[in-house]
N, C-alpha and C. Protein backbone atom coordinates (compact mmCIF):
# COMPACT_ATOMS: atom_id res chain seq x y z
N MET A 1 97.20 106.41 190.77
CA MET A 1 97.02 107.14 190.16
C MET A 1 95.20 107.55 189.01
N ARG A 2 94.45 108.84 189.18
CA ARG A 2 93.73 108.86 188.84
C ARG A 2 92.72 108.29 187.43
N ARG A 3 92.28 108.27 187.12
CA ARG A 3 91.62 107.50 186.46
C ARG A 3 91.45 108.55 184.34
N GLY A 4 91.45 109.57 184.36
CA GLY A 4 91.75 110.85 183.20
C GLY A 4 93.44 110.53 182.88
N ASN A 5 94.20 110.32 184.59
CA ASN A 5 96.25 110.57 183.77
C ASN A 5 96.23 109.06 183.18
N LYS A 6 95.47 108.32 183.21
CA LYS A 6 95.50 106.49 181.98
C LYS A 6 95.33 106.87 180.86
N GLY A 7 94.65 107.48 180.35
CA GLY A 7 94.19 107.88 178.71
C GLY A 7 95.26 108.67 178.56
N VAL A 8 95.47 109.91 179.21
CA VAL A 8 97.37 110.65 178.44
C VAL A 8 98.70 110.03 178.48
N LEU A 9 98.63 108.72 179.62
CA LEU A 9 99.59 108.24 179.14
C LEU A 9 99.37 107.35 178.11
N VAL A 10 98.77 106.31 178.31
CA VAL A 10 98.23 105.76 177.01
C VAL A 10 98.28 106.22 175.31
N LEU A 11 98.36 107.88 175.29
CA LEU A 11 98.43 108.23 174.20
C LEU A 11 99.49 108.86 174.06
N ALA A 12 100.46 109.19 175.08
CA ALA A 12 101.93 109.74 175.04
C ALA A 12 102.44 107.70 174.56
N LEU A 13 102.56 107.04 174.97
CA LEU A 13 102.82 106.10 174.34
C LEU A 13 102.38 105.85 172.84
N ALA A 14 101.61 105.08 173.15
CA ALA A 14 101.46 105.90 171.90
C ALA A 14 101.87 106.52 170.47
N LEU A 15 101.87 107.27 170.45
CA LEU A 15 102.53 108.93 169.85
C LEU A 15 104.02 108.55 170.11
N ALA A 16 104.63 107.55 171.04
CA ALA A 16 105.95 108.25 171.02
C ALA A 16 106.59 106.49 170.74
N LEU A 17 105.26 105.63 170.07
CA LEU A 17 105.84 104.03 169.74
C LEU A 17 105.46 103.83 168.26
N ALA A 18 104.37 105.22 167.87
CA ALA A 18 103.93 104.93 166.02
C ALA A 18 105.55 105.41 164.65
N PRO A 19 106.02 106.56 165.31
CA PRO A 19 107.78 106.01 164.52
C PRO A 19 108.08 104.84 164.39
N LEU A 20 107.39 104.13 164.64
CA LEU A 20 108.77 102.55 165.08
C LEU A 20 108.15 102.29 164.16
N GLY A 21 107.14 101.94 164.30
CA GLY A 21 105.60 100.98 163.55
C GLY A 21 105.92 101.84 161.89
N VAL A 22 106.36 102.87 161.55
CA VAL A 22 105.47 103.75 160.35
C VAL A 22 107.54 102.86 159.73
N ALA A 23 108.45 103.06 160.44
CA ALA A 23 110.13 102.74 159.72
C ALA A 23 109.66 101.55 159.26
N GLY A 24 108.60 100.66 159.98
CA GLY A 24 109.34 99.27 159.83
C GLY A 24 108.89 99.15 158.41
N CYS A 25 107.88 99.68 157.58
CA CYS A 25 106.53 99.77 157.01
C CYS A 25 106.96 100.05 155.50
N GLY A 26 108.73 99.84 154.81
CA GLY A 26 109.10 100.70 153.78
C GLY A 26 108.91 101.91 154.12
N SER A 27 109.94 102.11 154.44
CA SER A 27 109.74 103.48 154.79
C SER A 27 110.77 104.01 154.10
N ASP A 28 111.35 105.52 153.91
CA ASP A 28 112.83 105.66 152.53
C ASP A 28 113.72 105.87 153.68
N GLU A 29 113.59 105.42 154.62
CA GLU A 29 114.55 105.95 155.33
C GLU A 29 116.05 105.39 154.99
N GLY A 30 116.72 106.14 155.08
CA GLY A 30 118.12 105.53 154.61
C GLY A 30 118.74 106.14 153.09
N LYS A 31 117.02 106.94 152.20
CA LYS A 31 117.47 107.49 151.36
C LYS A 31 117.65 109.04 150.98
N GLU A 32 116.96 109.71 151.75
CA GLU A 32 117.46 110.96 152.07
C GLU A 32 118.45 111.72 153.21
N ALA A 33 119.60 112.10 153.20
CA ALA A 33 120.72 112.73 153.88
C ALA A 33 120.95 114.25 153.74
N ASP A 34 121.89 114.11 154.33
CA ASP A 34 122.75 115.77 154.82
C ASP A 34 123.92 114.82 153.75
N GLU A 35 124.74 116.02 153.68
CA GLU A 35 126.54 115.78 153.28
C GLU A 35 126.53 115.52 154.10
N GLY A 36 127.96 114.80 153.65
CA GLY A 36 128.54 113.34 154.73
C GLY A 36 127.50 112.66 155.16
N VAL A 37 126.54 111.87 154.32
CA VAL A 37 126.22 110.72 155.73
C VAL A 37 125.56 110.40 154.02
N PRO A 38 125.80 108.72 153.95
CA PRO A 38 125.81 107.86 153.19
C PRO A 38 124.31 107.24 153.08
N ILE A 39 123.79 108.02 151.44
CA ILE A 39 122.94 107.04 151.55
C ILE A 39 123.01 104.89 150.58
N LYS A 40 121.40 104.42 150.58
CA LYS A 40 121.34 103.02 150.31
C LYS A 40 120.82 103.08 149.00
N LEU A 41 121.20 102.88 147.34
CA LEU A 41 119.79 102.80 146.62
C LEU A 41 120.82 101.62 145.77
N GLY A 42 119.75 100.49 146.09
CA GLY A 42 120.03 99.21 145.82
C GLY A 42 121.27 98.58 145.77
N ASP A 43 121.87 97.94 146.08
CA ASP A 43 123.77 97.32 147.00
C ASP A 43 124.33 99.09 146.02
N LEU A 44 124.06 100.13 146.33
CA LEU A 44 124.89 100.96 146.61
C LEU A 44 125.01 101.97 146.45
N GLN A 45 125.73 102.03 147.80
CA GLN A 45 126.41 103.02 149.03
C GLN A 45 126.82 104.63 148.27
N PHE A 46 126.11 106.03 148.12
CA PHE A 46 126.63 107.04 147.81
C PHE A 46 126.22 108.21 148.81
N ASN A 47 127.71 108.85 148.44
CA ASN A 47 128.27 109.36 149.90
C ASN A 47 129.36 111.15 149.07
N VAL A 48 128.41 112.50 149.44
CA VAL A 48 128.94 113.38 149.39
C VAL A 48 130.08 113.96 150.28
N SER A 49 131.40 113.70 149.66
CA SER A 49 132.27 114.75 150.73
C SER A 49 132.47 116.24 150.65
N GLU A 50 132.31 116.78 149.38
CA GLU A 50 132.04 118.04 149.35
C GLU A 50 131.46 119.18 148.09
N THR A 51 130.97 120.17 148.19
CA THR A 51 129.89 120.67 147.02
C THR A 51 131.01 122.18 146.72
N ARG A 52 131.22 122.76 145.83
CA ARG A 52 131.31 123.60 145.77
C ARG A 52 131.61 123.89 144.34
N PHE A 53 131.52 125.47 144.04
CA PHE A 53 131.19 126.33 141.94
C PHE A 53 132.52 125.80 142.16
N LEU A 54 133.39 125.99 140.79
CA LEU A 54 134.15 125.60 140.57
C LEU A 54 134.30 127.02 140.17
N ASN A 55 135.87 127.56 140.10
CA ASN A 55 136.00 128.68 138.91
C ASN A 55 137.01 128.38 138.29
N PRO A 56 136.81 128.91 136.70
CA PRO A 56 138.03 128.04 135.95
C PRO A 56 139.56 128.77 135.62
N ALA A 57 139.17 129.79 136.77
CA ALA A 57 140.52 130.52 136.78
C ALA A 57 141.18 130.46 138.06
N GLN A 58 141.12 129.29 138.83
CA GLN A 58 141.76 128.48 140.31
C GLN A 58 142.33 127.21 139.23
N PRO A 59 143.91 127.09 139.45
CA PRO A 59 144.50 126.29 138.86
C PRO A 59 144.41 124.46 139.20
N ASP A 60 143.79 124.75 140.83
CA ASP A 60 143.05 122.88 140.50
C ASP A 60 141.65 123.46 140.16
N ASP A 61 140.63 124.00 139.85
CA ASP A 61 139.87 123.57 139.78
C ASP A 61 139.41 123.58 138.32
N SER A 62 140.40 124.79 137.18
CA SER A 62 140.87 124.61 135.88
C SER A 62 141.15 122.76 135.39
N GLN A 63 141.87 122.38 135.73
CA GLN A 63 141.65 120.48 136.39
C GLN A 63 140.57 120.07 135.99
N TYR A 64 139.57 120.01 137.34
CA TYR A 64 138.58 119.39 137.55
C TYR A 64 137.90 119.78 135.88
N LEU A 65 137.90 121.16 135.45
CA LEU A 65 136.47 121.75 134.31
C LEU A 65 137.28 121.15 132.90
N ALA A 66 139.04 120.19 133.09
CA ALA A 66 139.15 120.20 131.75
C ALA A 66 138.30 119.30 130.73
N GLY A 67 138.19 119.63 129.44
CA GLY A 67 136.92 119.02 129.16
C GLY A 67 135.62 120.18 128.42
N GLN A 68 135.38 121.14 129.48
CA GLN A 68 134.57 121.57 129.44
C GLN A 68 134.64 122.90 128.66
N LYS A 69 133.49 123.64 127.96
CA LYS A 69 133.81 124.50 127.96
C LYS A 69 133.84 126.00 128.94
N LEU A 70 134.44 126.88 128.19
CA LEU A 70 135.66 127.82 129.44
C LEU A 70 135.55 129.34 128.45
N PRO A 71 134.86 130.17 129.63
CA PRO A 71 133.99 130.14 131.11
C PRO A 71 132.51 129.23 130.34
N PRO A 72 132.23 129.19 131.10
CA PRO A 72 131.14 128.76 131.09
C PRO A 72 129.86 129.64 130.31
N PRO A 73 128.93 129.01 129.86
CA PRO A 73 127.98 130.34 128.69
C PRO A 73 127.42 131.27 129.99
N SER A 74 127.25 132.35 129.35
CA SER A 74 126.73 133.91 130.26
C SER A 74 125.83 132.94 131.20
N GLY A 75 125.62 133.66 131.99
CA GLY A 75 124.66 133.06 133.58
C GLY A 75 124.32 131.86 134.41
N GLN A 76 125.80 131.05 133.55
CA GLN A 76 125.86 129.85 134.59
C GLN A 76 127.63 129.70 135.07
N ASP A 77 127.29 128.87 135.77
CA ASP A 77 128.80 128.24 136.68
C ASP A 77 128.19 126.79 136.84
N TYR A 78 129.55 126.53 137.21
CA TYR A 78 129.87 124.58 137.31
C TYR A 78 129.77 124.52 138.50
N LEU A 79 128.56 123.79 138.99
CA LEU A 79 129.12 123.23 140.49
C LEU A 79 129.20 121.57 140.09
N GLY A 80 130.28 121.24 141.22
CA GLY A 80 131.14 120.30 141.41
C GLY A 80 130.22 119.60 142.69
N VAL A 81 130.20 118.63 142.34
CA VAL A 81 130.00 117.74 143.83
C VAL A 81 131.05 116.28 144.23
N PHE A 82 131.76 116.29 144.75
CA PHE A 82 132.35 115.14 145.25
C PHE A 82 132.06 114.13 145.68
N LEU A 83 131.74 112.87 144.75
CA LEU A 83 131.11 111.97 145.70
C LEU A 83 131.82 111.06 145.71
N THR A 84 131.52 110.16 146.27
CA THR A 84 131.81 108.88 147.17
C THR A 84 130.96 107.64 145.99
N ILE A 85 131.07 106.49 146.08
CA ILE A 85 130.10 105.44 145.50
C ILE A 85 130.80 104.13 145.63
N HIS A 86 129.97 103.09 146.56
CA HIS A 86 130.76 101.82 147.09
C HIS A 86 129.95 100.70 146.41
N ASN A 87 130.13 99.60 146.28
CA ASN A 87 129.18 98.53 145.92
C ASN A 87 129.08 97.42 146.65
N GLU A 88 127.97 97.07 147.10
CA GLU A 88 128.05 96.24 148.60
C GLU A 88 127.61 95.20 148.09
N GLY A 89 127.43 95.19 146.59
CA GLY A 89 127.11 93.59 146.25
C GLY A 89 128.27 92.49 146.11
N ASP A 90 127.65 91.55 145.50
CA ASP A 90 128.09 90.47 145.23
C ASP A 90 128.51 90.83 143.91
N ASP A 91 128.00 91.08 142.33
CA ASP A 91 128.24 91.27 141.42
C ASP A 91 128.48 92.92 141.25
N PRO A 92 129.18 92.78 139.53
CA PRO A 92 128.94 94.13 139.26
C PRO A 92 127.99 95.13 138.88
N LEU A 93 128.16 95.78 138.79
CA LEU A 93 126.21 97.10 138.81
C LEU A 93 126.63 97.69 137.97
N THR A 94 126.16 99.08 137.48
CA THR A 94 125.77 99.66 135.94
C THR A 94 125.61 101.22 137.03
N LEU A 95 126.63 101.96 137.14
CA LEU A 95 126.06 103.59 138.10
C LEU A 95 125.26 104.24 137.05
N PRO A 96 124.58 104.84 137.95
CA PRO A 96 123.86 105.70 137.63
C PRO A 96 124.31 106.26 135.90
N THR A 97 123.05 107.07 135.35
CA THR A 97 123.78 107.91 134.05
C THR A 97 123.85 109.37 134.14
N TYR A 98 124.55 110.24 134.07
CA TYR A 98 124.00 111.52 133.94
C TYR A 98 122.68 111.87 134.11
N ALA A 99 121.66 111.17 133.17
CA ALA A 99 121.08 111.73 133.75
C ALA A 99 119.75 111.53 134.72
N ASP A 100 120.33 110.41 135.09
CA ASP A 100 119.87 109.53 136.23
C ASP A 100 120.61 110.57 138.15
N THR A 101 121.47 111.57 137.71
CA THR A 101 121.55 112.06 137.81
C THR A 101 121.39 114.10 138.70
N SER A 102 121.25 114.01 138.93
CA SER A 102 120.37 115.79 139.28
C SER A 102 120.54 116.74 140.09
N VAL A 103 120.79 118.48 139.58
CA VAL A 103 120.91 119.07 141.23
C VAL A 103 119.33 119.51 141.16
N VAL A 104 118.85 119.55 142.21
CA VAL A 104 117.36 120.01 142.42
C VAL A 104 117.83 121.11 143.25
N ASP A 105 117.06 122.34 143.29
CA ASP A 105 116.20 123.54 144.00
C ASP A 105 115.42 123.75 144.39
N THR A 106 114.98 124.21 145.48
CA THR A 106 113.76 124.61 146.47
C THR A 106 112.68 125.27 145.07
N THR A 107 112.71 125.57 143.72
CA THR A 107 111.80 125.82 143.33
C THR A 107 111.54 124.60 141.79
N GLY A 108 112.32 123.40 142.27
CA GLY A 108 112.38 122.21 141.59
C GLY A 108 113.58 122.60 140.21
N ALA A 109 113.49 123.21 139.90
CA ALA A 109 114.61 122.96 138.69
C ALA A 109 116.03 122.35 138.68
N GLY A 110 115.78 122.02 137.96
CA GLY A 110 116.62 120.63 138.35
C GLY A 110 117.81 120.90 136.99
N TYR A 111 119.05 120.36 137.07
CA TYR A 111 120.51 120.20 136.25
C TYR A 111 120.61 119.05 136.25
N GLU A 112 121.10 118.34 135.20
CA GLU A 112 121.55 117.24 135.35
C GLU A 112 123.07 117.07 135.09
N ALA A 113 123.64 116.01 135.47
CA ALA A 113 124.84 115.79 135.21
C ALA A 113 125.73 116.46 134.42
N ILE A 114 126.57 116.72 133.98
CA ILE A 114 126.74 116.98 132.76
C ILE A 114 128.13 116.33 132.10
N PRO A 115 128.34 114.78 131.23
CA PRO A 115 129.61 114.65 130.45
C PRO A 115 130.60 115.18 131.32
N SER A 116 131.82 113.92 131.77
CA SER A 116 132.83 114.48 131.64
C SER A 116 134.22 113.66 131.85
N THR A 117 135.63 113.01 131.73
CA THR A 117 136.26 112.00 130.72
C THR A 117 137.74 112.33 131.81
N ASN A 118 137.87 113.69 132.19
CA ASN A 118 139.00 114.07 132.87
C ASN A 118 138.88 113.11 134.17
N ASP A 119 140.31 113.40 135.25
CA ASP A 119 141.17 111.75 135.15
C ASP A 119 140.28 112.14 137.04
N PHE A 120 139.10 113.51 137.49
CA PHE A 120 138.37 113.49 138.46
C PHE A 120 137.15 112.59 138.24
N ALA A 121 136.73 112.70 137.24
CA ALA A 121 134.86 112.76 136.84
C ALA A 121 134.79 111.39 137.50
N ALA A 122 133.18 111.56 137.65
CA ALA A 122 132.66 110.14 138.64
C ALA A 122 132.29 109.36 137.25
N PRO A 123 132.56 107.79 137.16
CA PRO A 123 132.44 107.30 135.88
C PRO A 123 130.74 106.82 136.12
N LEU A 124 130.28 108.15 136.02
CA LEU A 124 128.58 107.62 135.20
C LEU A 124 128.41 106.79 134.38
N GLY A 125 127.48 105.45 134.50
CA GLY A 125 127.16 105.02 133.31
C GLY A 125 128.13 103.64 133.42
N THR A 126 128.94 104.16 134.29
CA THR A 126 130.19 102.50 133.41
C THR A 126 130.12 101.51 134.59
N GLU A 127 129.93 100.43 134.72
CA GLU A 127 130.51 99.14 135.08
C GLU A 127 131.28 99.90 136.77
N LEU A 128 130.92 98.93 137.78
CA LEU A 128 131.54 99.35 139.53
C LEU A 128 131.65 97.69 139.54
N ALA A 129 132.30 97.08 139.60
CA ALA A 129 133.39 95.57 140.16
C ALA A 129 132.12 95.28 141.40
N ALA A 130 132.25 94.17 141.57
CA ALA A 130 131.41 93.90 143.93
C ALA A 130 132.84 94.44 144.23
N GLY A 131 132.41 95.21 145.05
CA GLY A 131 133.50 95.37 146.42
C GLY A 131 133.69 96.95 145.70
N GLY A 132 133.53 97.25 144.77
CA GLY A 132 134.62 98.08 143.37
C GLY A 132 134.06 99.40 144.23
N ASP A 133 134.76 100.39 144.29
CA ASP A 133 134.71 102.19 145.29
C ASP A 133 135.02 102.77 143.96
N VAL A 134 134.18 104.04 143.71
CA VAL A 134 134.55 105.15 143.48
C VAL A 134 134.63 106.76 144.34
N PRO A 135 135.71 106.83 144.04
CA PRO A 135 137.48 106.77 142.72
C PRO A 135 137.97 105.53 143.81
N ALA A 136 137.97 105.29 141.92
CA ALA A 136 139.31 103.63 142.51
C ALA A 136 140.27 104.41 143.15
N PRO A 137 140.69 103.30 144.43
CA PRO A 137 142.13 103.59 145.20
C PRO A 137 143.74 103.71 143.70
N ASP A 138 144.17 104.28 144.14
CA ASP A 138 145.19 105.13 143.21
C ASP A 138 145.21 106.34 142.41
N THR A 139 143.63 106.15 142.41
CA THR A 139 143.93 107.85 140.92
C THR A 139 143.95 109.01 141.44
N ALA A 140 144.00 109.94 141.28
CA ALA A 140 143.96 111.14 141.12
C ALA A 140 142.78 111.63 142.15
N ALA A 141 141.43 110.95 141.73
CA ALA A 141 140.53 111.75 142.37
C ALA A 141 140.52 111.08 143.84
N ALA A 142 140.93 109.98 143.78
CA ALA A 142 141.29 109.02 145.38
C ALA A 142 142.11 110.51 146.43
N ASN A 143 143.09 109.90 145.59
CA ASN A 143 143.91 110.41 146.21
C ASN A 143 143.69 112.49 146.46
N GLY A 144 143.08 113.27 145.36
CA GLY A 144 142.97 114.70 145.68
C GLY A 144 142.54 115.41 147.01
N PRO A 145 142.71 116.64 147.39
CA PRO A 145 142.31 117.10 148.07
C PRO A 145 140.89 116.78 148.52
N THR A 146 139.71 116.16 147.92
CA THR A 146 138.39 115.84 148.23
C THR A 146 137.92 113.94 148.32
N GLN A 147 139.08 113.58 147.45
CA GLN A 147 139.08 112.28 147.47
C GLN A 147 137.96 111.65 147.28
N GLY A 148 137.11 112.27 146.19
CA GLY A 148 136.32 111.98 145.55
C GLY A 148 135.56 112.10 144.35
N ALA A 149 135.13 111.45 143.91
CA ALA A 149 134.55 111.51 142.26
C ALA A 149 133.97 112.75 142.02
N LEU A 150 134.15 113.46 141.07
CA LEU A 150 133.32 114.38 140.70
C LEU A 150 132.66 114.62 139.60
N ALA A 151 131.26 114.90 139.98
CA ALA A 151 130.34 115.26 139.03
C ALA A 151 130.46 116.53 139.36
N ILE A 152 129.74 116.93 137.55
CA ILE A 152 129.94 118.48 137.08
C ILE A 152 128.47 118.50 136.49
N PHE A 153 127.97 120.19 137.26
CA PHE A 153 125.94 120.43 137.06
C PHE A 153 126.42 122.26 136.46
N LEU A 154 125.92 122.58 135.17
CA LEU A 154 126.19 123.22 135.25
C LEU A 154 124.26 123.77 135.80
N VAL A 155 124.51 125.15 136.15
CA VAL A 155 123.12 125.75 136.95
C VAL A 155 123.52 127.10 136.48
N GLY A 156 122.71 127.58 136.17
CA GLY A 156 122.37 128.80 136.73
C GLY A 156 122.94 129.77 137.53
N GLN A 157 122.93 130.45 137.51
CA GLN A 157 123.39 131.99 138.60
C GLN A 157 122.62 132.04 139.93
N ALA A 158 121.31 131.71 139.41
CA ALA A 158 120.09 132.08 140.43
C ALA A 158 119.68 130.88 141.29
N VAL A 159 120.97 129.71 141.47
CA VAL A 159 120.80 128.99 142.10
C VAL A 159 120.99 128.75 143.54
N ASN A 160 122.10 130.53 143.32
CA ASN A 160 122.37 130.58 145.13
C ASN A 160 121.04 131.10 145.45
N GLU A 161 120.10 131.30 145.03
CA GLU A 161 119.30 132.29 146.02
C GLU A 161 117.76 130.55 145.88
N ASN A 162 117.75 129.82 145.40
CA ASN A 162 117.23 128.64 145.47
C ASN A 162 117.51 127.48 146.66
N ARG A 163 118.28 128.02 147.59
CA ARG A 163 118.98 126.65 148.12
C ARG A 163 118.53 126.42 149.35
N PRO A 164 117.85 125.09 149.89
CA PRO A 164 119.13 124.65 149.80
C PRO A 164 118.79 122.89 148.50
N LEU A 165 120.16 123.26 148.29
CA LEU A 165 120.16 121.99 146.76
C LEU A 165 120.31 120.76 147.50
N LYS A 166 119.89 119.53 146.32
CA LYS A 166 119.56 118.51 146.99
C LYS A 166 120.27 117.92 145.83
N LEU A 167 120.86 116.99 145.79
CA LEU A 167 121.79 115.99 145.38
C LEU A 167 120.38 115.06 144.60
N GLU A 168 119.66 114.65 143.07
CA GLU A 168 118.35 113.65 142.76
C GLU A 168 119.66 113.01 142.39
N ILE A 169 119.20 111.17 142.98
CA ILE A 169 119.58 110.12 141.51
C ILE A 169 119.12 108.66 142.20
N GLU A 170 119.00 108.31 140.93
CA GLU A 170 117.80 107.65 140.23
C GLU A 170 118.75 106.72 140.18
N TYR A 171 117.86 105.07 140.52
CA TYR A 171 118.76 104.00 141.06
C TYR A 171 117.95 102.56 140.51
N GLU A 172 117.26 102.22 139.82
CA GLU A 172 116.41 100.74 140.07
C GLU A 172 115.39 101.01 140.29
N GLY A 173 114.72 102.34 140.11
CA GLY A 173 113.28 102.54 140.21
C GLY A 173 113.24 102.93 141.77
N GLU A 174 114.06 103.44 142.40
CA GLU A 174 114.64 104.31 143.86
C GLU A 174 115.14 105.75 143.68
N THR A 175 114.78 106.50 144.57
CA THR A 175 115.53 107.85 143.89
C THR A 175 116.67 107.98 145.44
N GLY A 176 116.72 108.84 145.94
CA GLY A 176 117.91 109.56 146.69
C GLY A 176 117.78 110.58 146.89
N ALA A 177 118.21 111.50 148.43
CA ALA A 177 118.19 112.27 147.97
C ALA A 177 119.75 113.12 148.84
N ILE A 178 120.55 114.13 148.18
CA ILE A 178 121.47 113.96 149.63
C ILE A 178 121.07 116.12 149.67
N THR A 179 121.33 116.50 150.90
CA THR A 179 121.33 117.93 150.66
C THR A 179 122.40 118.54 151.25
N LEU A 180 122.81 119.04 150.01
CA LEU A 180 124.15 119.68 149.62
C LEU A 180 124.72 120.92 150.86
N ASP A 181 125.63 120.55 151.55
CA ASP A 181 126.32 122.02 151.50
C ASP A 181 127.05 122.86 151.16
N ILE A 182 126.21 123.99 150.87
CA ILE A 182 126.56 124.79 149.96
C ILE A 182 126.69 126.35 150.19
């Protein structure tokens, strides 16, 4: 091998191994994912099964929107994020609150989850037992078409022009983000 090629080979090897060294040093690996891929914050694992705009005129969606102001205020729409949460820990944990859960667009505009108490609602801010799941088995949300609990966001209609949207969750000093497929 010629003398000049050894330097190139060493440089290529160093560049190939560099990401391994970075990943092992407190990276945010596992804190960002696409819809359908779980993230872990503390002992909670979050996954989004579906995201879509909710139409109050459709019978299925009217059930998801039970308890909300219908129709939504002028210039706004309801965005539904169907998610699952699993407590992988040995102790009960309090789930993130509505204020800790938001959808953010590419302009940086954020929309907090709005309270909901219907049968499909994600029980944000409540306690989840060790090993517990949201939605709980044998509930309408677990047995519905999305098999996820619903977090509702009241968003501006222009949000469609500022995609991709991300679901951001703050929990125990960590922030996770799931890019929504909408």
